[in-house]
Amino acid sequence: MRSLFHLPNWVYHLITFSVWSIVPGSWLYCAYFLTINFSLHHQLTNLLSILPQPSRLLFSYALLELVFSIYYFFRAWTAQKRLHRFNHEPEFMRESLERAARSGLRTQASIDRYPPCDDLKRSSRQAGSQTRINDDQVSSVSSSSGFSSLASSSSTAPSTPPLSPSFGSVTELKPLAWDDPRAVDFRSHQVLWFGNCKYSEIGRENLQEWITWVLFNRPRSKSLRESAEAVLTDQICSLFEARAGAVLPPGYNPRLRTRVIRLTLDPIRVRAHPLALYVATSTVSWTIKQLLFRCEFVERKSGGKLKYLIRKPIGWDDQPVKSRTLPFVFIHGLGLGLIQYTLFLNYLANSSWARARPVMILLQPSISLAFFDRQHLSPPSKEDMTADMTKAIERLGFSETGFEILGHSYGTIVAGWIIKAMGSLVRRVCLIDPVCFCEWEGHVCHNFLYAEPLPGLERLLRYFLATELGIAKTLHRHFDWPANILWPTDLPKSSAVFLAGCDSILDAYRIHTYLKEYGMGDRIVLSPSAAHGQLIFEDKEPFRAIKAWIEGQSISMN
């Protein structure tokens, strides 16, 4: 049986066009219906009178889609409003960016090279192959770009004014040489935040503009340039220059004004999605829930926004704490909600391993095409989620035993929140297609939301997921990347990471190298030919390896 992830491009295009065309087709059909009826009453032209009579039933449906599309774009317009900045201490932001800048310095940038991946043609767009500068090109680039090498001119980064005590101080970094492989690698991936431009196109004020967004979630203004916050921005800029091995030219490049990625400030990119799609996904999701209810799951709420399904074995609460089986928490990623996880849900519902322990399935309506749910446009923040999860853990008795977590894709971000908030209770962690690592490099944001999608599967994902209202708003207005980062040091020793080599969203090989740098090489499984989601969606060898790890069996790590 052919994998759904490796179908001919025309199949993906046909599916995408068939669903996309419902909305414009409905507008055209309504216009056709009204025109025909008007012509029959007024005998305008013979041509119109001989056309086939439109169906009133079909007109009723088309009119419903038309009205829904107007409401849909109204909600999209209201969703464009920028939210208040995230509430982070300046010290936390400074430390996060310092750790990001120092990442990759332990090795000589021995990044794993990409193997062929013809089905997704990922090498044609990933920065790792497109923008990385070869060693034999370095001398010619450095001489013509206008950069001055920090390492050749000074042993320390440029000095900046002292910070206000509330911000702490930025630890200086010894500048790398321009041709240091670690500097070359850093530059080639930093440009993703600037529309994958050439590094020589970035001016220092462009970098300061981006850092201002990262630190304070707002545009760079004149008042900010004269404040203590501007000093922190300037110091972080100098830190990044030292890491890149080059002082950026002064000034601002206006050509990058519309290309720089400032996720929570940029307009939300939304495309029309038909009412029929939401009705269909809601119906199937409801059906899956009913099947889970038959398997003794029940739906519960905790606090203001946390919804989850839970099943506990009879008598589990009455057992001594030491003899209880460890509860299992599953956190799904963005997409069609529970629909895309039917294989894994069947395992959780019916396997003897899962039936012997409490199983908790977190629900996330904002990233599940759940248009009719109240939380479709109001995803929980990190603070909301961890507070509600803490209450649920206490109520369910998991605080006595601890628990294990499996997160997939966007679910790894939520898993990271929980791990950092209640790490002493998290016994084991399994992360599949993790988007919670190396978020400062911009691969996830650039590939999923901004880069031109490649023909086929990527275009399907761009339409159905990236430009869907709830998902787009979650990513563009609620994506708190410093809080979303999970550091390898936060993970318990009993952890596993599963990566797909042909992942078109995250850079699996860079994540692989990054985690090995932290000594996690024996806890990583990388499937070279798999696409994003394929590891857990299809019953193949990687899925069986995931089940084996969950059940505590030994598997082959690489």
Protein backbone atom coordinates (compact mmCIF):
# COMPACT_ATOMS: atom_id res chain seq x y z
CA MET A 1 0.00 0.00 0.00
CA ARG A 2 1.38 3.38 -1.00
CA SER A 3 2.02 5.89 1.77
CA LEU A 4 -0.37 8.83 1.97
CA PHE A 5 2.72 11.01 2.41
CA HIS A 6 4.22 10.05 -0.94
CA LEU A 7 1.37 10.27 -3.43
CA PRO A 8 1.75 11.98 -6.83
CA ASN A 9 1.60 15.76 -6.61
CA TRP A 10 -1.55 15.92 -8.73
CA VAL A 11 -3.46 14.01 -6.03
CA TYR A 12 -2.60 16.61 -3.39
CA HIS A 13 -3.42 19.43 -5.83
CA LEU A 14 -6.78 17.84 -6.67
CA ILE A 15 -7.73 17.51 -3.00
CA THR A 16 -6.67 21.07 -2.26
CA PHE A 17 -8.45 22.56 -5.26
CA SER A 18 -11.62 20.56 -4.64
CA VAL A 19 -12.01 21.96 -1.12
CA TRP A 20 -10.73 25.47 -1.89
CA SER A 21 -13.11 25.86 -4.87
CA ILE A 22 -16.22 25.36 -2.72
CA VAL A 23 -16.26 28.97 -1.52
CA PRO A 24 -15.69 30.79 -4.85
CA GLY A 25 -17.92 28.21 -6.52
CA SER A 26 -20.70 29.02 -4.08
CA TRP A 27 -20.42 32.73 -4.84
CA LEU A 28 -20.57 32.03 -8.58
CA TYR A 29 -23.52 29.67 -8.23
CA CYS A 30 -25.50 32.20 -6.21
CA ALA A 31 -24.82 34.83 -8.86
CA TYR A 32 -25.83 32.36 -11.58
CA PHE A 33 -29.05 31.42 -9.78
CA LEU A 34 -30.12 35.02 -9.25
CA THR A 35 -29.19 35.99 -12.81
CA ILE A 36 -31.19 33.12 -14.34
CA ASN A 37 -34.25 33.82 -12.24
CA PHE A 38 -34.07 37.53 -12.99
CA SER A 39 -33.79 36.83 -16.73
CA LEU A 40 -36.80 34.48 -16.70
CA HIS A 41 -38.96 37.15 -15.15
CA HIS A 42 -37.84 39.88 -17.49
CA GLN A 43 -37.02 37.94 -20.69
CA LEU A 44 -33.62 39.63 -20.99
CA THR A 45 -31.84 37.32 -23.42
CA ASN A 46 -32.51 34.06 -25.19
CA LEU A 47 -29.10 32.77 -24.13
CA LEU A 48 -29.86 33.04 -20.44
CA SER A 49 -33.32 31.56 -20.84
CA ILE A 50 -32.04 28.36 -22.47
CA LEU A 51 -29.42 27.66 -19.78
CA PRO A 52 -30.23 24.76 -17.42
CA GLN A 53 -32.36 25.66 -14.44
CA PRO A 54 -30.32 25.88 -11.24
CA SER A 55 -31.31 23.74 -8.28
CA ARG A 56 -32.95 25.51 -5.35
CA LEU A 57 -31.46 22.97 -2.97
CA LEU A 58 -27.97 23.58 -4.32
CA PHE A 59 -28.62 27.32 -4.20
CA SER A 60 -29.57 27.03 -0.53
CA TYR A 61 -26.28 25.29 0.22
CA ALA A 62 -24.28 27.78 -1.86
CA LEU A 63 -25.98 30.68 -0.09
CA LEU A 64 -25.09 29.11 3.26
CA GLU A 65 -21.43 28.85 2.21
CA LEU A 66 -21.52 32.45 0.95
CA VAL A 67 -22.85 33.79 4.25
CA PHE A 68 -20.39 31.65 6.20
CA SER A 69 -17.46 32.95 4.13
CA ILE A 70 -18.44 36.53 4.97
CA TYR A 71 -18.59 35.67 8.66
CA TYR A 72 -15.32 33.75 8.36
CA PHE A 73 -13.44 36.73 6.95
CA PHE A 74 -15.03 39.01 9.53
CA ARG A 75 -13.59 36.82 12.25
CA ALA A 76 -10.27 36.76 10.40
CA TRP A 77 -10.30 40.57 10.31
CA THR A 78 -10.98 40.81 14.05
CA ALA A 79 -8.24 38.25 14.71
CA GLN A 80 -5.62 40.56 13.16
CA LYS A 81 -5.54 42.67 16.31
CA ARG A 82 -2.14 42.53 17.96
CA LEU A 83 -2.19 41.23 21.51
CA HIS A 84 -0.33 42.60 24.49
CA ARG A 85 3.27 41.61 24.82
CA PHE A 86 4.13 38.40 26.62
CA ASN A 87 4.87 38.80 30.28
CA HIS A 88 8.50 37.73 30.62
CA GLU A 89 11.15 39.06 32.94
CA PRO A 90 13.98 40.82 31.05
CA GLU A 91 16.46 38.49 32.72
CA PHE A 92 14.65 35.45 31.28
CA MET A 93 14.71 36.94 27.78
CA ARG A 94 18.38 37.84 28.04
CA GLU A 95 19.33 34.37 29.22
CA SER A 96 17.25 32.72 26.48
CA LEU A 97 18.96 34.70 23.71
CA GLU A 98 22.38 34.14 25.25
CA ARG A 99 21.80 30.40 25.32
CA ALA A 100 20.57 30.54 21.73
CA ALA A 101 23.66 32.45 20.57
CA ARG A 102 25.99 30.01 22.32
CA SER A 103 24.28 26.94 20.95
CA GLY A 104 26.52 24.92 18.65
CA LEU A 105 29.81 26.26 20.01
CA ARG A 106 30.85 22.99 21.61
CA THR A 107 31.63 21.32 18.30
CA GLN A 108 33.11 22.44 15.02
CA ALA A 109 29.70 22.53 13.34
CA SER A 110 29.81 18.93 12.18
CA ILE A 111 26.23 19.18 10.98
CA ASP A 112 24.81 15.94 9.61
CA ARG A 113 24.44 16.23 5.85
CA TYR A 114 21.10 15.66 4.21
CA PRO A 115 20.58 12.38 2.39
CA PRO A 116 18.50 12.38 -0.77
CA CYS A 117 14.82 12.96 -0.12
CA ASP A 118 13.30 13.10 -3.57
CA ASP A 119 9.66 12.82 -2.56
CA LEU A 120 9.61 16.11 -0.67
CA LYS A 121 12.58 17.75 -2.45
CA ARG A 122 13.41 19.33 0.91
CA SER A 123 16.98 20.16 -0.09
CA SER A 124 15.79 22.75 -2.58
CA ARG A 125 14.48 25.00 0.16
CA GLN A 126 16.14 24.23 3.47
CA ALA A 127 18.73 26.74 4.52
CA GLY A 128 21.11 23.95 5.40
CA SER A 129 21.66 23.25 1.71
CA GLN A 130 20.56 26.43 0.01
CA THR A 131 22.26 29.19 1.95
CA ARG A 132 25.17 27.48 3.66
CA ILE A 133 28.42 28.95 2.41
CA ASN A 134 31.04 26.43 1.42
CA ASP A 135 34.49 26.76 2.94
CA ASP A 136 36.08 27.53 -0.42
CA GLN A 137 33.72 30.48 -0.87
CA VAL A 138 34.45 32.20 2.42
CA SER A 139 37.42 34.28 1.38
CA SER A 140 35.69 35.73 -1.66
CA VAL A 141 32.51 36.47 0.27
CA SER A 142 34.22 38.18 3.18
CA SER A 143 36.24 40.41 0.91
CA SER A 144 33.27 41.59 -1.12
CA SER A 145 30.47 41.80 1.42
CA GLY A 146 31.65 44.83 3.34
CA PHE A 147 31.85 42.93 6.64
CA SER A 148 34.74 43.28 9.01
CA SER A 149 35.77 40.14 10.82
CA LEU A 150 35.44 40.52 14.57
CA ALA A 151 38.06 37.93 15.28
CA SER A 152 40.69 39.68 13.20
CA SER A 153 40.08 43.10 14.70
CA SER A 154 39.37 42.37 18.33
CA SER A 155 39.36 39.51 20.79
CA THR A 156 36.07 40.60 22.31
CA ALA A 157 32.77 41.81 21.01
CA PRO A 158 32.18 45.54 20.64
CA SER A 159 31.57 47.26 23.95
CA THR A 160 28.13 48.67 24.74
CA PRO A 161 26.80 50.88 27.52
CA PRO A 162 25.97 49.19 30.83
CA LEU A 163 22.45 47.91 31.33
CA SER A 164 19.90 48.90 33.90
CA PRO A 165 20.21 46.55 36.92
CA SER A 166 16.80 45.02 36.13
CA PHE A 167 18.14 43.61 32.87
CA GLY A 168 21.31 42.03 34.21
CA SER A 169 24.34 41.99 31.95
CA VAL A 170 25.10 40.14 28.75
CA THR A 171 28.12 37.87 29.02
CA GLU A 172 30.56 38.70 26.27
CA LEU A 173 31.34 36.06 23.69
CA LYS A 174 34.74 35.66 22.10
CA PRO A 175 34.12 36.50 18.44
CA LEU A 176 34.43 33.72 15.92
CA ALA A 177 36.44 34.12 12.75
CA TRP A 178 34.47 34.82 9.59
CA ASP A 179 35.50 31.47 8.12
CA ASP A 180 34.94 29.48 11.32
CA PRO A 181 32.52 26.68 10.31
CA ARG A 182 30.39 27.48 13.36
CA ALA A 183 30.05 31.12 12.26
CA VAL A 184 29.31 30.10 8.67
CA ASP A 185 26.63 27.71 9.90
CA PHE A 186 25.10 30.33 12.21
CA ARG A 187 24.87 32.93 9.44
CA SER A 188 23.32 30.50 6.98
CA HIS A 189 20.41 29.80 9.32
CA GLN A 190 19.98 33.24 10.86
CA VAL A 191 18.94 34.57 7.44
CA LEU A 192 15.71 32.55 7.61
CA TRP A 193 14.28 35.27 9.86
CA PHE A 194 14.99 37.76 7.06
CA GLY A 195 13.21 35.97 4.26
CA ASN A 196 16.17 33.69 3.53
CA CYS A 197 18.08 36.63 2.09
CA LYS A 198 21.84 36.88 1.68
CA TYR A 199 23.58 37.66 4.96
CA SER A 200 25.27 40.65 3.33
CA GLU A 201 21.83 42.27 2.85
CA ILE A 202 21.17 42.57 6.59
CA GLY A 203 21.96 45.93 8.21
CA ARG A 204 22.59 46.32 11.91
CA GLU A 205 19.29 48.15 12.39
CA ASN A 206 17.50 45.28 10.65
CA LEU A 207 18.92 42.91 13.22
CA GLN A 208 18.03 45.33 16.03
CA GLU A 209 14.47 45.51 14.69
CA TRP A 210 14.17 41.73 14.82
CA ILE A 211 15.74 41.49 18.29
CA THR A 212 13.34 44.18 19.56
CA TRP A 213 10.44 41.99 18.47
CA VAL A 214 12.02 38.93 20.08
CA LEU A 215 12.62 40.70 23.39
CA PHE A 216 9.57 42.93 23.72
CA ASN A 217 7.01 41.73 21.13
CA ARG A 218 6.62 45.19 19.62
CA PRO A 219 8.03 47.30 16.78
CA ARG A 220 11.20 49.29 17.22
CA SER A 221 10.29 52.91 17.94
CA LYS A 222 12.22 56.10 18.60
CA SER A 223 11.31 56.03 22.28
CA LEU A 224 12.65 52.48 22.56
CA ARG A 225 15.94 53.45 20.93
CA GLU A 226 16.70 55.83 23.80
CA SER A 227 15.65 53.57 26.69
CA ALA A 228 17.43 50.98 28.81
CA GLU A 229 15.71 48.36 26.67
CA ALA A 230 17.63 49.70 23.68
CA VAL A 231 20.88 48.99 25.51
CA LEU A 232 19.87 45.36 25.95
CA THR A 233 18.90 45.19 22.27
CA ASP A 234 22.29 46.57 21.28
CA GLN A 235 24.16 44.13 23.51
CA ILE A 236 22.26 41.15 22.11
CA CYS A 237 22.99 42.46 18.62
CA SER A 238 26.71 42.56 19.43
CA LEU A 239 26.47 39.04 20.84
CA PHE A 240 24.92 37.78 17.60
CA GLU A 241 27.60 39.58 15.57
CA ALA A 242 30.30 37.86 17.61
CA ARG A 243 28.61 34.51 17.05
CA ALA A 244 28.34 35.17 13.30
CA GLY A 245 31.96 36.31 13.06
CA ALA A 246 31.13 39.61 11.36
CA VAL A 247 30.09 43.16 12.23
CA LEU A 248 26.96 44.05 10.29
CA PRO A 249 27.09 47.24 8.21
CA PRO A 250 25.40 50.21 9.92
CA GLY A 251 22.00 51.41 8.82
CA TYR A 252 18.74 49.84 7.73
CA ASN A 253 18.04 47.93 4.53
CA PRO A 254 14.47 48.93 3.52
CA ARG A 255 14.22 46.00 1.12
CA LEU A 256 13.97 43.70 4.13
CA ARG A 257 11.14 45.67 5.73
CA THR A 258 8.46 43.29 4.44
CA ARG A 259 10.64 40.17 4.49
CA VAL A 260 11.74 40.04 8.11
CA ILE A 261 9.70 37.58 10.17
CA ARG A 262 8.15 39.08 13.28
CA LEU A 263 5.53 36.44 13.82
CA THR A 264 3.24 38.12 16.36
CA LEU A 265 3.38 41.49 14.57
CA ASP A 266 2.94 40.30 10.99
CA PRO A 267 -0.53 40.12 9.38
CA ILE A 268 -2.28 36.79 9.86
CA ARG A 269 -2.43 34.98 6.54
CA VAL A 270 -5.86 33.34 6.24
CA ARG A 271 -7.56 31.74 3.24
CA ALA A 272 -11.22 30.83 2.91
CA HIS A 273 -12.19 27.43 4.27
CA PRO A 274 -15.69 26.13 3.51
CA LEU A 275 -18.35 25.40 6.08
CA ALA A 276 -18.55 21.86 4.71
CA LEU A 277 -14.95 21.20 5.78
CA TYR A 278 -15.65 22.25 9.36
CA VAL A 279 -18.89 20.27 9.50
CA ALA A 280 -17.11 17.18 8.18
CA THR A 281 -14.14 17.41 10.58
CA SER A 282 -16.41 18.16 13.54
CA THR A 283 -18.62 15.19 12.69
CA VAL A 284 -15.70 12.79 12.37
CA SER A 285 -14.09 14.13 15.56
CA TRP A 286 -17.39 13.67 17.41
CA THR A 287 -17.62 10.10 16.10
CA ILE A 288 -14.08 9.31 17.28
CA LYS A 289 -14.95 10.67 20.72
CA GLN A 290 -18.02 8.43 20.87
CA LEU A 291 -15.86 5.42 20.05
CA LEU A 292 -13.43 6.41 22.82
CA PHE A 293 -16.34 6.81 25.23
CA ARG A 294 -17.29 3.21 24.45
CA CYS A 295 -13.75 2.30 25.51
CA GLU A 296 -14.44 3.85 28.93
CA PHE A 297 -12.93 7.28 28.26
CA VAL A 298 -14.78 10.30 29.64
CA GLU A 299 -14.38 13.99 28.82
CA ARG A 300 -13.43 16.39 31.58
CA LYS A 301 -12.49 20.05 32.02
CA SER A 302 -9.99 21.66 34.35
CA GLY A 303 -9.83 25.34 35.16
CA GLY A 304 -10.72 27.75 32.41
CA LYS A 305 -9.49 26.18 29.18
CA LEU A 306 -8.12 22.66 29.60
CA LYS A 307 -10.23 19.90 28.05
CA TYR A 308 -9.15 16.30 28.11
CA LEU A 309 -10.25 12.69 27.78
CA ILE A 310 -9.39 10.38 30.67
CA ARG A 311 -9.65 6.69 31.44
CA LYS A 312 -8.49 5.16 34.71
CA PRO A 313 -8.44 1.43 35.45
CA ILE A 314 -10.94 0.30 38.05
CA GLY A 315 -9.31 0.25 41.48
CA TRP A 316 -6.23 2.24 40.43
CA ASP A 317 -6.86 4.91 43.09
CA ASP A 318 -7.23 2.26 45.82
CA GLN A 319 -3.85 0.66 45.20
CA PRO A 320 -0.75 1.62 47.20
CA VAL A 321 1.08 4.46 45.44
CA LYS A 322 4.19 2.38 44.77
CA SER A 323 2.22 -0.37 43.05
CA ARG A 324 0.20 1.88 40.74
CA THR A 325 0.97 1.88 37.04
CA LEU A 326 2.40 5.12 35.68
CA PRO A 327 -0.22 7.42 34.05
CA PHE A 328 0.28 8.32 30.40
CA VAL A 329 -0.45 11.77 28.90
CA PHE A 330 -0.82 12.24 25.12
CA ILE A 331 -0.68 15.73 23.55
CA HIS A 332 -1.59 15.93 19.87
CA GLY A 333 -0.27 18.39 17.29
CA LEU A 334 -2.00 20.83 14.98
CA GLY A 335 -4.10 19.58 12.11
CA LEU A 336 -7.40 17.72 12.16
CA GLY A 337 -7.35 17.05 15.89
CA LEU A 338 -8.04 13.45 16.86
CA ILE A 339 -8.84 12.42 13.28
CA GLN A 340 -5.24 12.06 12.16
CA TYR A 341 -4.31 9.98 15.22
CA THR A 342 -6.83 7.15 14.77
CA LEU A 343 -4.04 4.55 14.63
CA PHE A 344 -2.45 5.74 17.87
CA LEU A 345 -5.81 6.30 19.57
CA ASN A 346 -6.80 2.73 18.74
CA TYR A 347 -3.61 1.62 20.47
CA LEU A 348 -4.40 3.73 23.55
CA ALA A 349 -7.99 2.51 23.63
CA ASN A 350 -7.49 -1.22 23.15
CA SER A 351 -3.94 -2.35 23.93
CA SER A 352 -3.38 -4.29 27.14
CA TRP A 353 -0.54 -1.92 28.07
CA ALA A 354 -2.78 1.17 27.87
CA ARG A 355 -5.72 -0.48 29.64
CA ALA A 356 -3.51 -1.23 32.64
CA ARG A 357 -2.85 2.45 33.40
CA PRO A 358 -4.58 5.85 33.39
CA VAL A 359 -4.52 7.47 29.95
CA MET A 360 -5.08 11.20 29.53
CA ILE A 361 -5.58 12.79 26.09
CA LEU A 362 -5.35 16.58 25.97
CA LEU A 363 -7.69 18.34 23.52
CA GLN A 364 -6.65 21.53 21.70
CA PRO A 365 -9.60 22.98 19.72
CA SER A 366 -7.65 26.02 18.50
CA ILE A 367 -5.35 23.86 16.36
CA SER A 368 -7.88 21.18 15.35
CA LEU A 369 -10.18 22.91 12.81
CA ALA A 370 -12.80 23.01 15.58
CA PHE A 371 -14.55 26.13 14.28
CA PHE A 372 -17.66 25.59 16.39
CA ASP A 373 -15.74 25.30 19.65
CA ARG A 374 -15.51 28.37 21.87
CA GLN A 375 -11.74 27.98 22.11
CA HIS A 376 -11.17 27.99 18.35
CA LEU A 377 -9.73 31.51 18.50
CA SER A 378 -8.63 31.57 22.14
CA PRO A 379 -5.86 29.04 22.77
CA PRO A 380 -4.56 28.71 26.32
CA SER A 381 -1.35 30.49 27.21
CA LYS A 382 1.53 28.73 28.87
CA GLU A 383 0.37 30.07 32.22
CA ASP A 384 -3.24 28.94 31.66
CA MET A 385 -2.23 25.50 30.49
CA THR A 386 0.22 24.76 33.29
CA ALA A 387 -2.17 26.09 35.96
CA ASP A 388 -5.09 24.02 34.62
CA MET A 389 -2.88 20.98 34.14
CA THR A 390 -1.61 21.24 37.71
CA LYS A 391 -5.20 21.21 38.98
CA ALA A 392 -6.05 18.22 36.80
CA ILE A 393 -2.97 16.29 37.91
CA GLU A 394 -3.87 16.90 41.55
CA ARG A 395 -7.50 15.90 41.03
CA LEU A 396 -6.61 12.71 39.17
CA GLY A 397 -4.01 11.63 41.72
CA PHE A 398 -1.12 11.77 39.25
CA SER A 399 0.83 14.02 41.61
CA GLU A 400 1.37 11.01 43.85
CA THR A 401 2.82 8.75 41.18
CA GLY A 402 4.18 11.08 38.55
CA PHE A 403 3.37 10.53 34.89
CA GLU A 404 4.86 10.16 31.43
CA ILE A 405 4.23 12.33 28.37
CA LEU A 406 4.12 11.79 24.64
CA GLY A 407 3.88 14.91 22.51
CA HIS A 408 3.70 15.20 18.75
CA SER A 409 4.64 18.26 16.66
CA TYR A 410 2.98 21.33 18.24
CA GLY A 411 2.11 19.08 21.16
CA THR A 412 5.81 18.97 22.04
CA ILE A 413 5.59 22.68 22.85
CA VAL A 414 2.76 22.06 25.32
CA ALA A 415 4.69 19.08 26.65
CA GLY A 416 7.64 21.41 27.20
CA TRP A 417 5.48 23.79 29.21
CA ILE A 418 4.40 20.94 31.46
CA ILE A 419 7.91 19.52 31.81
CA LYS A 420 9.31 22.90 32.87
CA ALA A 421 6.39 23.60 35.24
CA MET A 422 6.28 20.22 37.00
CA GLY A 423 9.49 18.49 35.99
CA SER A 424 9.74 16.54 39.26
CA LEU A 425 6.55 14.66 38.35
CA VAL A 426 7.49 13.84 34.75
CA ARG A 427 9.08 10.40 34.72
CA ARG A 428 9.43 9.67 30.99
CA VAL A 429 9.12 11.78 27.85
CA CYS A 430 8.65 10.85 24.20
CA LEU A 431 8.81 13.65 21.62
CA ILE A 432 7.87 12.99 17.99
CA ASP A 433 8.60 15.55 15.24
CA PRO A 434 9.56 18.05 17.97
CA VAL A 435 9.17 21.73 17.09
CA CYS A 436 10.24 22.78 20.59
CA PHE A 437 13.99 22.69 19.91
CA CYS A 438 16.16 25.38 18.27
CA GLU A 439 13.26 27.76 17.65
CA TRP A 440 15.68 30.68 17.44
CA GLU A 441 16.80 29.39 14.03
CA GLY A 442 13.42 30.05 12.42
CA HIS A 443 12.98 26.82 10.47
CA VAL A 444 9.49 26.05 11.77
CA CYS A 445 8.07 29.56 11.26
CA HIS A 446 9.75 30.08 7.89
CA ASN A 447 8.93 26.68 6.40
CA PHE A 448 5.36 26.35 7.66
CA LEU A 449 4.10 29.93 7.32
CA TYR A 450 6.34 32.05 5.09
CA ALA A 451 8.34 30.05 2.55
CA GLU A 452 6.85 29.32 -0.86
CA PRO A 453 5.44 25.79 -0.48
CA LEU A 454 6.73 23.15 -2.83
CA PRO A 455 4.21 21.48 -5.15
CA GLY A 456 2.25 18.61 -3.68
CA LEU A 457 1.98 17.83 0.00
CA GLU A 458 3.42 21.17 1.17
CA ARG A 459 0.76 23.13 -0.72
CA LEU A 460 -1.93 20.94 0.78
CA LEU A 461 -0.58 21.58 4.28
CA ARG A 462 -0.28 25.31 3.60
CA TYR A 463 -3.94 25.56 2.61
CA PHE A 464 -5.60 23.15 5.05
CA LEU A 465 -3.47 23.98 8.10
CA ALA A 466 -1.17 27.01 7.91
CA THR A 467 -3.84 29.39 6.54
CA GLU A 468 -6.76 28.01 8.58
CA LEU A 469 -8.13 30.70 10.88
CA GLY A 470 -7.68 29.01 14.27
CA ILE A 471 -4.23 27.60 13.51
CA ALA A 472 -3.01 30.82 11.87
CA LYS A 473 -4.16 32.93 14.83
CA THR A 474 -2.58 30.54 17.32
CA LEU A 475 0.76 30.76 15.54
CA HIS A 476 0.68 34.46 14.65
CA ARG A 477 -0.72 35.91 17.88
CA HIS A 478 -0.06 33.37 20.61
CA PHE A 479 3.30 31.87 19.62
CA ASP A 480 5.54 32.80 22.57
CA TRP A 481 8.78 31.37 21.25
CA PRO A 482 11.05 32.01 24.29
CA ALA A 483 8.52 30.19 26.49
CA ASN A 484 8.07 27.49 23.85
CA ILE A 485 11.74 26.49 23.75
CA LEU A 486 12.53 23.23 25.50
CA TRP A 487 16.17 22.85 26.41
CA PRO A 488 17.64 19.32 26.40
CA THR A 489 18.74 19.83 29.99
CA ASP A 490 15.06 20.09 30.99
CA LEU A 491 14.34 16.52 29.86
CA PRO A 492 14.43 13.58 32.26
CA LYS A 493 17.01 10.88 31.60
CA SER A 494 14.33 8.50 30.40
CA SER A 495 13.48 10.37 27.20
CA ALA A 496 13.32 9.59 23.50
CA VAL A 497 13.11 11.80 20.42
CA PHE A 498 11.78 10.52 17.09
CA LEU A 499 12.70 12.51 13.97
CA ALA A 500 11.62 12.28 10.32
CA GLY A 501 14.45 12.84 7.86
CA CYS A 502 12.16 14.26 5.15
CA ASP A 503 10.39 16.66 7.50
CA SER A 504 9.38 19.75 5.50
CA ILE A 505 8.62 21.82 8.63
CA LEU A 506 11.55 21.38 10.99
CA ASP A 507 15.17 20.63 10.19
CA ALA A 508 15.46 17.10 11.56
CA TYR A 509 19.19 16.72 10.91
CA ARG A 510 20.05 19.93 12.73
CA ILE A 511 17.89 18.85 15.67
CA HIS A 512 19.67 15.50 15.60
CA THR A 513 23.09 17.18 15.75
CA TYR A 514 21.92 19.66 18.39
CA LEU A 515 20.64 16.92 20.70
CA LYS A 516 23.80 14.86 20.25
CA GLU A 517 25.76 17.91 21.39
CA TYR A 518 23.91 17.57 24.70
CA GLY A 519 24.74 13.88 24.99
CA MET A 520 21.38 12.56 23.78
CA GLY A 521 22.71 10.58 20.83
CA ASP A 522 21.58 7.26 22.31
CA ARG A 523 18.03 8.56 22.81
CA ILE A 524 17.27 9.64 19.23
CA VAL A 525 15.56 7.66 16.48
CA LEU A 526 15.84 9.19 13.01
CA SER A 527 13.89 7.74 10.08
CA PRO A 528 15.59 9.15 6.93
CA SER A 529 12.72 8.64 4.47
CA ALA A 530 9.78 9.65 6.70
CA ALA A 531 7.80 12.91 6.42
CA HIS A 532 6.40 15.06 9.21
CA GLY A 533 3.67 13.08 10.96
CA GLN A 534 4.37 9.83 9.17
CA LEU A 535 6.06 8.27 12.21
CA ILE A 536 2.86 8.23 14.25
CA PHE A 537 0.19 8.25 11.53
CA GLU A 538 1.18 5.04 9.71
CA ASP A 539 1.60 1.51 11.04
CA LYS A 540 5.17 0.98 9.93
CA GLU A 541 8.49 0.30 11.62
CA PRO A 542 8.85 3.77 13.27
CA PHE A 543 5.36 3.48 14.78
CA ARG A 544 6.18 0.06 16.17
CA ALA A 545 9.40 1.50 17.62
CA ILE A 546 7.38 4.24 19.33
CA LYS A 547 5.06 1.65 20.88
CA ALA A 548 8.03 -0.43 21.98
CA TRP A 549 9.65 2.54 23.71
CA ILE A 550 6.38 3.50 25.41
CA GLU A 551 6.06 -0.03 26.78
CA GLY A 552 9.63 0.02 28.09
CA GLN A 553 11.10 -2.35 25.53
CA SER A 554 14.56 -1.85 24.06
CA ILE A 555 14.70 -0.39 20.58
CA SER A 556 17.50 0.47 18.18
CA MET A 557 18.57 4.11 18.67
CA ASN A 558 20.76 6.03 16.20
